[in-house]
Structures are given as structure tokens and as C-alpha cells.
Protein backbone atom coordinates (compact mmCIF):
# COMPACT_ATOMS: atom_id res chain seq x y z
CA MET A 1 161.15 85.51 167.33
CA ALA A 2 163.88 86.89 165.01
CA GLY A 3 163.71 85.06 161.38
CA GLU A 4 160.53 83.66 161.57
CA PRO A 5 157.93 84.43 158.49
CA ILE A 6 155.48 86.76 159.44
CA MET A 7 152.14 84.96 158.43
CA LEU A 8 150.80 87.44 155.30
CA GLY A 9 148.26 84.82 154.24
CA PRO A 10 145.68 85.41 156.71
CA ILE A 11 146.16 88.99 156.44
CA ARG A 12 145.66 89.12 152.69
CA VAL A 13 142.66 87.37 152.81
CA LEU A 14 141.11 89.54 155.25
CA CYS A 15 141.78 92.62 153.74
CA ALA A 16 140.21 90.98 150.13
CA VAL A 17 137.22 89.86 151.95
CA ALA A 18 137.04 93.68 153.61
CA THR A 19 137.34 95.52 150.45
CA ALA A 20 134.94 93.44 148.62
CA PHE A 21 132.32 93.54 151.30
CA LEU A 22 132.82 97.54 151.10
CA VAL A 23 132.70 97.63 147.32
CA CYS A 24 129.60 95.20 147.21
CA GLY A 25 128.01 96.86 149.97
CA GLY A 26 128.53 100.34 148.75
CA LEU A 27 126.65 99.29 145.59
CA GLY A 28 123.22 98.35 147.94
CA PHE A 29 123.10 102.42 148.57
CA MET A 30 123.63 103.38 145.43
CA PRO A 31 120.09 105.05 143.46
CA MET A 32 118.94 102.76 140.45
CA ALA A 33 118.39 104.32 137.14
CA ALA A 34 114.84 105.17 136.48
CA ALA A 35 113.92 103.70 133.34
CA ALA A 36 113.10 105.85 130.44
CA PRO A 37 109.81 106.89 129.78
CA LYS A 38 108.28 105.17 126.45
CA LEU A 39 107.84 107.52 122.97
CA SER A 40 104.96 107.79 121.46
CA ASP A 41 104.61 106.68 117.66
CA ALA A 42 104.57 109.78 116.56
CA ASP A 43 108.01 110.71 118.67
CA ASP A 44 109.30 107.70 118.08
CA ALA A 45 109.22 108.26 114.05
CA ALA A 46 110.30 111.79 114.29
CA ILE A 47 113.29 110.76 115.63
CA LYS A 48 114.26 108.08 113.07
CA SER A 49 113.31 110.55 110.58
CA ALA A 50 116.03 113.25 112.10
CA ILE A 51 118.38 110.90 111.91
CA THR A 52 117.72 109.78 108.66
CA SER A 53 117.76 113.45 107.43
CA CYS A 54 120.93 113.95 109.46
CA LYS A 55 122.45 110.99 108.04
CA ALA A 56 122.08 112.07 104.67
CA GLU A 57 123.21 115.43 105.79
CA ALA A 58 126.57 114.33 106.97
CA LYS A 59 127.37 112.12 103.69
CA ALA A 60 126.55 115.09 101.78
CA LYS A 61 128.99 117.13 103.85
CA LYS A 62 131.68 114.17 103.32
CA ILE A 63 132.20 114.07 107.19
CA ARG A 64 133.81 111.12 108.18
CA PHE A 65 133.69 108.70 111.12
CA PRO A 66 134.99 110.37 114.39
CA ALA A 67 133.67 113.83 113.74
CA SER A 68 130.20 112.30 112.03
CA ARG A 69 128.93 110.90 115.42
CA ALA A 70 128.98 114.01 116.98
CA PHE A 71 128.10 115.78 114.14
CA LEU A 72 124.77 113.48 113.90
CA ARG A 73 123.94 113.67 117.99
CA ASP A 74 123.91 117.64 117.27
CA CYS A 75 122.13 117.50 114.51
CA VAL A 76 119.22 115.26 115.83
CA THR A 77 119.19 117.22 118.96
CA GLU A 78 118.77 120.73 117.15
CA THR A 79 115.93 119.25 114.63
CA ILE A 80 114.23 117.86 117.39
CA ARG A 81 113.88 121.17 119.66
CA ASN A 82 113.44 122.85 116.72
CA ASN A 83 110.59 120.98 115.23
CA PRO A 84 108.59 119.59 118.31
CA THR A 85 105.84 117.52 117.85
CA LYS A 86 102.33 117.94 118.74
CA ARG A 87 101.43 115.51 121.52
């Protein structure tokens, strides 16, 4: 028995199949993401208006790319929270 090569090929294939089964099988137990509710036309217009005004504000303050994304996100969030549309 000494000096004979160990057959690693079938063991590698078995491990690969078992790993693939665990990964793919685990996906079946994950909850599916719920679809976002459809926005009304008034809400959609309010968000677009907030984005436009916040972009103009960021440009006026000369806030550049990496910081402008965070500024825009925060500005739009605050604008929508402070000015709720009537439903």
C-alpha cells in the first residue's frame, strides 16, 4: 500500500457537489423580498421635485461627487419628512 497515490479526484467532486447543494438548497429557505408599493402620482412628483431642488442646492454649495451622494440622500429624506403630501 505504501507508494500508491490516493484518489483525490472523486473526493474533490463529492465535496464540490455537496457545497453546491448546500448553497443552492439554502437559497430556497431565504425569504423573498417583497415588492415595493406603487407610489401615487403626487408622491412621485414630490420626490422628483425634492431631488431636483436638492441637486440644485448641492451644486450651489459646490459639493462634489462622493459627498454629494450622501448630501442628496439626506436632503431628499428630510424634505419628504418635513413636507408630507396629502393622500
